């Protein structure tokens, strides 16, 4: 049977049309399902409530300050003090469940908490009929990612996951160049990040590869530790977990893969229209019971899609870099922090920076000779701005939960696989099951503490 390659005009049109369909499939909404009956005209400001007000949430709020920030919720009011000062008229809460029940005027909700709170907070907001912007990764477990994406699709509410690179110009160029057959059909990809190190060196951004502390210092007066834990298993407070250091603990985060993997793998999933992997294999430095190892490599197998071949995807973190491409000039180095290498049957594309920032063909001679195709894909108005507009007008968002959910599932399957280093795990996506290692299925989710649910 004759196969049409991506380089043909017909295939390019099909590729771009399919990409546009993927972007919009789960993001188009009707005005009547927005936070307020009848929705809001573009000129009117949204009433936004924030679940999380310190740390990364403060940066998100700065991007959303064109709207009305009417409610702020944080379990640590010392951490949230800066946002409280910036938005003095906003009502203040420690329990997001109370905020959602009380604030009847909310049109939309920001979720910017530690990862283990993402799913319960996001689902609570969606169940209240509120569009949601949730920081990455979308959830902490594979089960949560599937549940959140499914409910978001059924609710038709405007959603966006906080991986800002999806708004980068580089992401559009990657797709346009691949559609132009710049490197042929892609069959392998290498993706990396230096996290939790910085350029492969100490000190770490956050601790990993350590044991659980045994001392029990007092909880700070400003912190509600029970609410901070939320659905996670109880453990005594310790400054080893907060602030931000939670990312290296399995109960709360997923290390460099969950942090920068979402950023750097997103352009790959988007451009190649990847779905669920069929097999995952991992290796790492020593695995501790409660913390993510210092560094790992995760290898995914994805099936063929249409006329596109099967793809082998390799992830590296903690300072590990992929094999150096032969096409890379001797005087050039790979970006030690973040990058992507697309391997096609006609060449290679190197993407430097995080989130798909700066693509170029290698070697440089090929990059200079390459005649760039016309810009055919719509450009972003800004990652947060996309969500604001979607809340008001039902327009697309690039990282809606229909895209973010499957991406998060695949990333977190890698985390599960790290626990079973050396074992190839076979994934049955339709039935949400690892078919060859029953013990691994227990890591797809965990029992919530009493009082918490999806």
Protein backbone atom coordinates (compact mmCIF):
# COMPACT_ATOMS: atom_id res chain seq x y z
CA UNK A 1 0.00 0.00 0.00
CA UNK A 2 1.37 3.41 -0.97
CA UNK A 3 2.13 5.74 1.95
CA UNK A 4 2.01 9.52 1.55
CA UNK A 5 4.82 11.23 3.43
CA UNK A 6 4.37 14.34 5.51
CA UNK A 7 6.22 16.39 2.94
CA UNK A 8 3.34 16.37 0.43
CA UNK A 9 0.95 19.31 0.27
CA UNK A 10 -2.00 17.09 1.11
CA UNK A 11 -0.25 15.61 4.16
CA UNK A 12 0.86 19.01 5.37
CA UNK A 13 -2.73 20.26 5.24
CA UNK A 14 -3.91 17.14 7.03
CA UNK A 15 -1.21 17.50 9.71
CA UNK A 16 -2.02 21.13 10.42
CA UNK A 17 -5.76 20.54 10.37
CA UNK A 18 -5.34 17.64 12.79
CA UNK A 19 -3.18 19.77 15.06
CA UNK A 20 -5.78 22.53 15.14
CA UNK A 21 -8.46 19.95 15.93
CA UNK A 22 -6.36 18.60 18.80
CA UNK A 23 -5.92 22.08 20.25
CA UNK A 24 -9.60 22.93 20.13
CA UNK A 25 -11.22 19.57 20.81
CA UNK A 26 -11.72 20.01 24.52
CA UNK A 27 -11.57 23.78 24.90
CA UNK A 28 -14.57 25.21 23.05
CA UNK A 29 -17.29 26.19 25.50
CA UNK A 30 -20.68 27.82 25.41
CA UNK A 31 -21.48 30.95 27.35
CA UNK A 32 -24.18 29.25 29.41
CA UNK A 33 -21.68 26.87 31.07
CA UNK A 34 -19.37 29.60 32.34
CA UNK A 35 -19.12 30.64 35.96
CA UNK A 36 -22.01 33.06 35.57
CA UNK A 37 -25.22 32.39 33.69
CA UNK A 38 -24.85 33.96 30.27
CA UNK A 39 -21.05 34.23 30.53
CA UNK A 40 -19.15 37.51 30.33
CA UNK A 41 -18.58 39.82 27.38
CA UNK A 42 -14.89 40.42 26.53
CA UNK A 43 -15.02 43.93 28.00
CA UNK A 44 -16.18 42.73 31.42
CA UNK A 45 -13.68 41.44 33.98
CA UNK A 46 -13.77 37.93 35.43
CA UNK A 47 -14.12 37.42 39.16
CA UNK A 48 -11.24 35.04 39.95
CA UNK A 49 -10.57 33.07 43.10
CA UNK A 50 -7.07 31.66 43.72
CA UNK A 51 -6.36 28.38 45.48
CA UNK A 52 -2.78 29.05 46.43
CA UNK A 53 -1.54 32.63 46.82
CA UNK A 54 2.19 32.41 47.59
CA UNK A 55 5.10 30.99 45.59
CA UNK A 56 4.25 30.23 41.96
CA UNK A 57 0.67 31.39 42.57
CA UNK A 58 1.92 34.95 43.06
CA UNK A 59 3.39 34.89 39.55
CA UNK A 60 0.14 33.54 38.11
CA UNK A 61 -1.84 36.23 39.88
CA UNK A 62 0.42 38.88 38.37
CA UNK A 63 -0.54 37.53 34.92
CA UNK A 64 -4.25 37.56 35.85
CA UNK A 65 -4.41 40.99 37.49
CA UNK A 66 -6.24 42.44 34.49
CA UNK A 67 -9.27 40.71 36.03
CA UNK A 68 -10.92 41.01 39.45
CA UNK A 69 -9.05 38.95 42.05
CA UNK A 70 -11.86 38.59 44.56
CA UNK A 71 -10.75 35.68 46.77
CA UNK A 72 -7.40 34.29 47.89
CA UNK A 73 -6.95 30.94 49.61
CA UNK A 74 -3.70 29.65 51.11
CA UNK A 75 -2.91 27.32 54.00
CA UNK A 76 0.12 29.45 54.93
CA UNK A 77 -0.76 33.10 55.36
CA UNK A 78 2.90 34.06 55.80
CA UNK A 79 3.66 32.70 52.33
CA UNK A 80 0.59 34.44 50.94
CA UNK A 81 1.33 37.82 52.57
CA UNK A 82 2.63 39.39 49.37
CA UNK A 83 -0.53 38.54 47.45
CA UNK A 84 -2.70 39.64 50.35
CA UNK A 85 -0.97 43.02 50.23
CA UNK A 86 -1.25 43.27 46.44
CA UNK A 87 -4.97 42.44 46.43
CA UNK A 88 -6.20 43.89 49.73
CA UNK A 89 -9.88 43.75 48.77
CA UNK A 90 -9.82 40.00 48.12
CA UNK A 91 -11.48 37.83 50.74
CA UNK A 92 -9.06 35.46 52.48
CA UNK A 93 -9.44 31.74 53.17
CA UNK A 94 -7.37 28.77 54.29
CA UNK A 95 -9.73 26.00 53.10
CA UNK A 96 -10.55 26.13 49.38
CA UNK A 97 -13.72 24.13 49.95
CA UNK A 98 -15.08 26.95 52.10
CA UNK A 99 -14.02 29.52 49.50
CA UNK A 100 -15.87 27.71 46.71
CA UNK A 101 -19.00 27.36 48.83
CA UNK A 102 -18.94 30.97 50.01
CA UNK A 103 -17.86 32.98 46.96
CA UNK A 104 -20.97 32.82 44.80
CA UNK A 105 -19.72 35.49 42.38
CA UNK A 106 -16.68 33.54 41.17
CA UNK A 107 -16.36 33.17 37.40
CA UNK A 108 -13.10 31.22 37.31
CA UNK A 109 -10.50 29.62 39.59
CA UNK A 110 -6.70 29.48 39.65
CA UNK A 111 -5.14 26.38 41.26
CA UNK A 112 -1.47 26.87 42.14
CA UNK A 113 -0.66 24.61 45.07
CA UNK A 114 1.72 21.69 45.67
CA UNK A 115 1.00 18.88 43.19
CA UNK A 116 -0.89 16.63 45.61
CA UNK A 117 -3.65 19.27 45.99
CA UNK A 118 -4.11 19.92 42.26
CA UNK A 119 -6.67 17.22 41.52
CA UNK A 120 -8.96 17.67 44.52
CA UNK A 121 -8.95 21.46 44.17
CA UNK A 122 -9.43 21.42 40.40
CA UNK A 123 -12.26 18.90 40.54
CA UNK A 124 -13.99 20.85 43.31
CA UNK A 125 -13.86 24.02 41.19
CA UNK A 126 -15.06 22.21 38.05
CA UNK A 127 -17.93 20.65 39.99
CA UNK A 128 -18.92 24.17 41.02
CA UNK A 129 -19.07 25.03 37.32
CA UNK A 130 -15.92 27.18 37.32
CA UNK A 131 -13.33 27.26 34.53
CA UNK A 132 -9.89 26.34 35.91
CA UNK A 133 -6.27 27.31 35.30
CA UNK A 134 -4.16 24.68 37.10
CA UNK A 135 -0.40 24.72 37.48
CA UNK A 136 1.64 21.83 36.14
CA UNK A 137 1.75 18.90 36.46
CA UNK A 138 -2.02 18.68 36.24
CA UNK A 139 -2.16 16.06 39.00
CA UNK A 140 0.07 13.90 41.21
CA UNK A 141 -1.27 10.51 40.11
CA UNK A 142 -2.15 8.83 36.83
CA UNK A 143 -5.67 8.08 38.05
CA UNK A 144 -6.24 11.74 38.95
CA UNK A 145 -5.04 12.91 35.52
CA UNK A 146 -7.56 10.67 33.75
CA UNK A 147 -10.39 11.68 36.10
CA UNK A 148 -9.75 15.42 35.79
CA UNK A 149 -9.41 15.32 31.99
CA UNK A 150 -12.59 13.26 31.65
CA UNK A 151 -14.66 15.56 33.85
CA UNK A 152 -13.29 18.67 32.13
CA UNK A 153 -14.23 17.28 28.72
CA UNK A 154 -17.76 16.50 29.87
CA UNK A 155 -18.21 19.87 31.59
CA UNK A 156 -17.01 21.84 28.53
CA UNK A 157 -15.50 24.46 30.84
CA UNK A 158 -12.47 26.50 29.80
CA UNK A 159 -9.26 24.94 31.13
CA UNK A 160 -5.54 25.55 30.90
CA UNK A 161 -2.56 23.83 32.54
CA UNK A 162 0.31 26.10 33.53
CA UNK A 163 3.04 25.07 31.11
CA UNK A 164 3.69 28.48 29.58
CA UNK A 165 5.95 27.13 26.86
CA UNK A 166 2.83 26.13 24.94
CA UNK A 167 2.49 29.82 24.08
CA UNK A 168 6.06 30.09 22.74
CA UNK A 169 6.76 30.94 19.12
CA UNK A 170 9.15 27.99 19.07
CA UNK A 171 6.31 25.56 19.56
CA UNK A 172 4.57 26.83 16.42
CA UNK A 173 7.81 26.69 14.43
CA UNK A 174 8.45 23.09 15.47
CA UNK A 175 5.05 22.00 14.12
CA UNK A 176 5.33 24.05 10.94
CA UNK A 177 8.81 22.73 10.16
CA UNK A 178 7.80 19.12 10.80
CA UNK A 179 4.74 19.61 8.59
CA UNK A 180 7.11 20.98 5.95
CA UNK A 181 9.08 17.70 6.07
CA UNK A 182 12.18 19.52 7.33
CA UNK A 183 13.60 16.36 8.91
CA UNK A 184 11.23 13.76 7.47
CA UNK A 185 9.18 11.42 9.62
CA UNK A 186 10.19 11.51 13.30
CA UNK A 187 10.84 8.13 14.90
CA UNK A 188 12.89 9.06 17.97
CA UNK A 189 13.09 11.99 20.40
CA UNK A 190 15.49 12.86 23.24
CA UNK A 191 14.35 15.32 25.93
CA UNK A 192 16.18 16.50 29.03
CA UNK A 193 16.32 18.86 32.00
CA UNK A 194 19.01 19.45 34.61
CA UNK A 195 16.47 19.56 37.47
CA UNK A 196 16.75 19.07 40.40
CA UNK A 197 20.38 20.16 39.86
CA UNK A 198 21.54 23.36 38.20
CA UNK A 199 23.56 22.49 35.10
CA UNK A 200 24.21 19.10 36.67
CA UNK A 201 25.82 20.62 39.77
CA UNK A 202 24.91 21.02 43.44
CA UNK A 203 23.21 22.53 45.36
CA UNK A 204 19.87 21.04 44.33
CA UNK A 205 16.82 23.16 43.53
CA UNK A 206 15.03 20.91 46.04
CA UNK A 207 16.21 17.83 48.01
CA UNK A 208 15.85 14.37 46.46
CA UNK A 209 17.35 10.97 47.24
CA UNK A 210 17.06 11.37 51.03
CA UNK A 211 15.36 9.59 53.90
CA UNK A 212 12.39 10.85 55.87
CA UNK A 213 13.32 13.07 58.86
CA UNK A 214 12.64 11.64 62.30
CA UNK A 215 12.46 14.79 64.43
CA UNK A 216 9.16 16.64 64.88
CA UNK A 217 9.63 20.43 65.16
CA UNK A 218 6.59 22.57 65.94
CA UNK A 219 4.29 23.70 63.12
CA UNK A 220 4.65 27.44 62.34
CA UNK A 221 1.76 29.50 63.68
CA UNK A 222 0.85 30.74 60.19
CA UNK A 223 0.58 27.24 58.63
CA UNK A 224 -2.41 24.88 58.78
CA UNK A 225 -0.48 21.62 58.39
CA UNK A 226 -3.55 19.39 58.19
CA UNK A 227 -4.95 21.41 55.28
CA UNK A 228 -1.51 21.49 53.63
CA UNK A 229 -1.48 17.67 53.64
CA UNK A 230 -5.01 17.53 52.25
CA UNK A 231 -5.63 14.05 50.79
CA UNK A 232 -2.03 12.85 51.31
CA UNK A 233 -1.19 10.34 54.06
CA UNK A 234 -0.56 11.99 57.41
CA UNK A 235 2.96 12.69 58.52
CA UNK A 236 4.29 15.15 61.12
CA UNK A 237 5.26 18.61 59.93
CA UNK A 238 8.89 19.19 59.04
CA UNK A 239 10.63 22.03 57.17
CA UNK A 240 12.07 19.33 54.88
CA UNK A 241 8.74 19.51 53.02
CA UNK A 242 7.82 23.18 52.89
CA UNK A 243 8.08 25.59 51.26
CA UNK A 244 8.73 24.18 47.74
CA UNK A 245 10.93 21.29 48.96
CA UNK A 246 7.86 19.07 48.67
CA UNK A 247 8.61 18.50 44.97
CA UNK A 248 11.17 15.78 45.70
CA UNK A 249 8.84 13.70 47.93
CA UNK A 250 6.71 11.00 46.27
CA UNK A 251 3.67 11.82 48.44
CA UNK A 252 3.63 15.41 47.21
CA UNK A 253 5.46 15.69 43.88
CA UNK A 254 7.39 13.85 41.18
CA UNK A 255 10.80 15.49 40.95
CA UNK A 256 12.37 16.84 37.78
CA UNK A 257 10.17 14.70 35.53
CA UNK A 258 6.95 16.12 36.96
CA UNK A 259 8.37 19.63 37.07
CA UNK A 260 10.32 20.25 33.86
CA UNK A 261 9.18 17.10 32.07
CA UNK A 262 5.75 18.65 31.61
CA UNK A 263 7.38 21.74 30.09
CA UNK A 264 9.87 20.02 27.81
CA UNK A 265 7.78 17.03 26.74
CA UNK A 266 4.74 19.14 25.85
CA UNK A 267 6.15 20.34 22.49
CA UNK A 268 6.87 16.72 21.56
CA UNK A 269 3.39 15.45 22.43
CA UNK A 270 1.84 18.42 20.66
CA UNK A 271 3.90 18.31 17.47
CA UNK A 272 3.82 14.51 17.05
CA UNK A 273 0.26 14.10 18.36
CA UNK A 274 1.38 11.41 20.82
CA UNK A 275 -1.21 9.67 22.96
CA UNK A 276 -0.59 6.92 25.49
CA UNK A 277 2.66 4.94 25.50
CA UNK A 278 2.54 1.16 25.24
CA UNK A 279 5.74 0.44 27.15
CA UNK A 280 7.87 2.35 29.67
CA UNK A 281 11.33 1.53 30.99
CA UNK A 282 13.45 3.47 33.50
CA UNK A 283 16.84 3.52 35.17
CA UNK A 284 18.09 5.84 37.90
CA UNK A 285 20.41 6.56 40.76
CA UNK A 286 19.37 4.72 43.99
CA UNK A 287 15.61 4.86 44.59
CA UNK A 288 14.53 5.83 48.08
CA UNK A 289 11.21 4.80 49.59
CA UNK A 290 9.88 8.33 50.01
CA UNK A 291 11.90 10.57 47.70
CA UNK A 292 12.62 10.79 43.99
CA UNK A 293 16.16 9.68 43.02
CA UNK A 294 18.80 12.27 42.16
CA UNK A 295 18.69 11.47 38.44
CA UNK A 296 16.83 9.17 36.08
CA UNK A 297 16.30 8.15 32.47
CA UNK A 298 12.85 7.08 31.27
CA UNK A 299 12.22 5.48 27.89
CA UNK A 300 8.76 5.40 26.29
CA UNK A 301 7.44 3.47 23.29
CA UNK A 302 4.56 5.10 21.39
CA UNK A 303 2.64 3.38 18.59
CA UNK A 304 2.35 4.61 15.01
CA UNK A 305 -0.28 7.31 14.34
CA UNK A 306 -1.79 7.40 10.87
CA UNK A 307 1.09 7.68 8.41
CA UNK A 308 3.53 8.61 11.21
CA UNK A 309 5.86 5.90 12.52
CA UNK A 310 6.17 4.53 16.04
CA UNK A 311 8.23 6.80 18.29
CA UNK A 312 10.85 6.05 20.93
CA UNK A 313 10.97 8.90 23.45
CA UNK A 314 13.84 9.23 25.94
CA UNK A 315 13.82 11.46 29.04
CA UNK A 316 16.93 12.46 31.03
CA UNK A 317 17.17 14.56 34.22
CA UNK A 318 19.48 15.36 37.12
CA UNK A 319 22.31 16.48 34.84
CA UNK A 320 22.27 13.48 32.48
CA UNK A 321 22.45 14.46 28.82
CA UNK A 322 21.45 12.40 25.78
CA UNK A 323 24.05 11.00 23.37
CA UNK A 324 25.68 13.83 21.48
CA UNK A 325 24.29 14.05 17.91
CA UNK A 326 26.85 13.45 15.18
CA UNK A 327 25.41 16.45 13.33
CA UNK A 328 26.31 18.85 16.16
CA UNK A 329 29.50 20.78 15.41
CA UNK A 330 32.50 20.11 17.67
CA UNK A 331 32.55 23.70 18.91
CA UNK A 332 28.88 23.59 19.95
CA UNK A 333 27.59 22.09 23.20
CA UNK A 334 24.16 20.81 24.11
CA UNK A 335 22.24 23.15 26.41
CA UNK A 336 23.09 21.69 29.86
CA UNK A 337 19.77 22.82 31.32
CA UNK A 338 16.94 21.90 28.91
CA UNK A 339 16.49 20.68 25.37
CA UNK A 340 14.92 18.41 22.77
CA UNK A 341 16.36 16.48 19.82
CA UNK A 342 13.89 15.31 17.16
CA UNK A 343 15.33 12.48 15.06
CA UNK A 344 13.77 12.10 11.62
CA UNK A 345 14.54 9.91 8.63
CA UNK A 346 15.88 12.99 6.79
CA UNK A 347 17.69 14.84 9.57
CA UNK A 348 17.58 16.22 13.09
CA UNK A 349 16.08 19.23 14.83
CA UNK A 350 17.64 20.56 18.03
CA UNK A 351 15.46 22.66 20.34
CA UNK A 352 17.34 24.66 22.94
CA UNK A 353 15.87 26.10 26.13
CA UNK A 354 12.87 24.98 28.15
CA UNK A 355 9.38 24.37 26.80
CA UNK A 356 10.39 24.36 23.12
CA UNK A 357 11.94 27.83 22.99
CA UNK A 358 14.48 27.82 20.17
CA UNK A 359 14.36 25.21 17.39
CA UNK A 360 17.02 24.89 14.71
CA UNK A 361 18.16 22.23 12.31
CA UNK A 362 21.58 20.65 12.71
CA UNK A 363 24.21 20.90 11.42
CA UNK A 364 24.28 24.71 11.15
CA UNK A 365 24.89 24.49 7.42
CA UNK A 366 21.51 22.75 7.04
CA UNK A 367 19.86 25.29 9.35
CA UNK A 368 21.09 28.20 7.19
CA UNK A 369 20.07 26.55 3.94
CA UNK A 370 16.58 25.60 5.09
CA UNK A 371 13.85 27.73 3.51
CA UNK A 372 11.35 28.36 6.30
CA UNK A 373 7.72 27.60 5.41
CA UNK A 374 4.97 30.22 5.79
CA UNK A 375 3.53 30.74 9.27
CA UNK A 376 0.27 28.81 9.03
CA UNK A 377 -0.61 28.20 12.69
CA UNK A 378 -2.28 30.82 14.91
CA UNK A 379 0.10 32.53 17.34
CA UNK A 380 -0.64 32.78 21.05
CA UNK A 381 -1.88 35.95 22.72
CA UNK A 382 -0.20 34.73 25.91
CA UNK A 383 -0.67 31.61 27.99
CA UNK A 384 -2.77 33.17 30.75
CA UNK A 385 -4.48 35.49 28.27
CA UNK A 386 -5.64 32.45 26.27
CA UNK A 387 -7.46 31.14 29.34
CA UNK A 388 -9.02 34.50 30.19
CA UNK A 389 -10.31 34.81 26.64
CA UNK A 390 -11.57 31.22 26.67
CA UNK A 391 -13.51 31.89 29.87
CA UNK A 392 -15.25 34.83 28.23
CA UNK A 393 -15.58 33.78 24.59
CA UNK A 394 -15.11 30.01 24.36
CA UNK A 395 -11.93 30.32 22.28
CA UNK A 396 -9.21 27.61 22.28
CA UNK A 397 -6.42 27.16 24.82
CA UNK A 398 -3.25 25.33 23.82
CA UNK A 399 -2.86 23.33 27.04
CA UNK A 400 -6.48 22.57 27.85
CA UNK A 401 -7.02 19.54 30.04
CA UNK A 402 -7.83 17.42 26.97
CA UNK A 403 -4.17 17.82 26.05
CA UNK A 404 -2.72 18.25 29.54
CA UNK A 405 -4.40 15.15 30.99
CA UNK A 406 -2.84 12.57 28.62
CA UNK A 407 0.51 14.38 28.79
CA UNK A 408 0.44 14.25 32.60
CA UNK A 409 -0.57 10.57 32.51
CA UNK A 410 2.46 9.68 30.41
CA UNK A 411 4.83 11.75 32.55
CA UNK A 412 3.56 10.17 35.77
CA UNK A 413 3.77 6.68 34.27
CA UNK A 414 7.46 7.45 34.00
CA UNK A 415 7.51 8.22 37.72
CA UNK A 416 5.81 4.89 38.45
CA UNK A 417 8.39 3.15 36.29
CA UNK A 418 11.27 4.72 38.23
CA UNK A 419 10.11 2.71 41.25
CA UNK A 420 10.61 -0.45 39.18
CA UNK A 421 13.94 0.40 37.56
CA UNK A 422 15.03 -2.36 35.21
CA UNK A 423 11.51 -3.62 34.56
CA UNK A 424 9.72 -2.88 31.31
CA UNK A 425 6.14 -1.91 32.17
CA UNK A 426 3.38 -2.59 29.65
CA UNK A 427 0.55 -0.04 29.72
CA UNK A 428 -3.07 -0.78 28.81
CA UNK A 429 -4.39 2.76 28.53
CA UNK A 430 -7.98 1.82 27.76
CA UNK A 431 -8.25 -0.15 30.98
CA UNK A 432 -5.87 2.04 33.03
CA UNK A 433 -3.70 -0.92 33.97
CA UNK A 434 -0.09 -2.05 33.93
CA UNK A 435 -0.47 -5.58 32.62
CA UNK A 436 2.79 -7.24 33.65
CA UNK A 437 3.49 -5.89 37.15
CA UNK A 438 0.50 -5.90 39.52
CA UNK A 439 2.43 -4.15 42.27
CA UNK A 440 3.00 -1.16 40.00
CA UNK A 441 -0.74 -0.59 39.65
CA UNK A 442 -0.88 0.42 43.32
CA UNK A 443 1.19 3.49 42.39
CA UNK A 444 -1.37 4.76 39.89
CA UNK A 445 -3.31 6.26 42.81
CA UNK A 446 -3.55 6.09 46.60
CA UNK A 447 -6.31 6.12 49.26
CA UNK A 448 -7.20 9.67 50.25
CA UNK A 449 -7.47 10.65 53.86
CA UNK A 450 -10.97 10.95 55.28
CA UNK A 451 -12.77 14.10 54.17
CA UNK A 452 -11.08 14.29 50.75
CA UNK A 453 -12.31 13.04 47.41
CA UNK A 454 -12.36 13.72 43.70
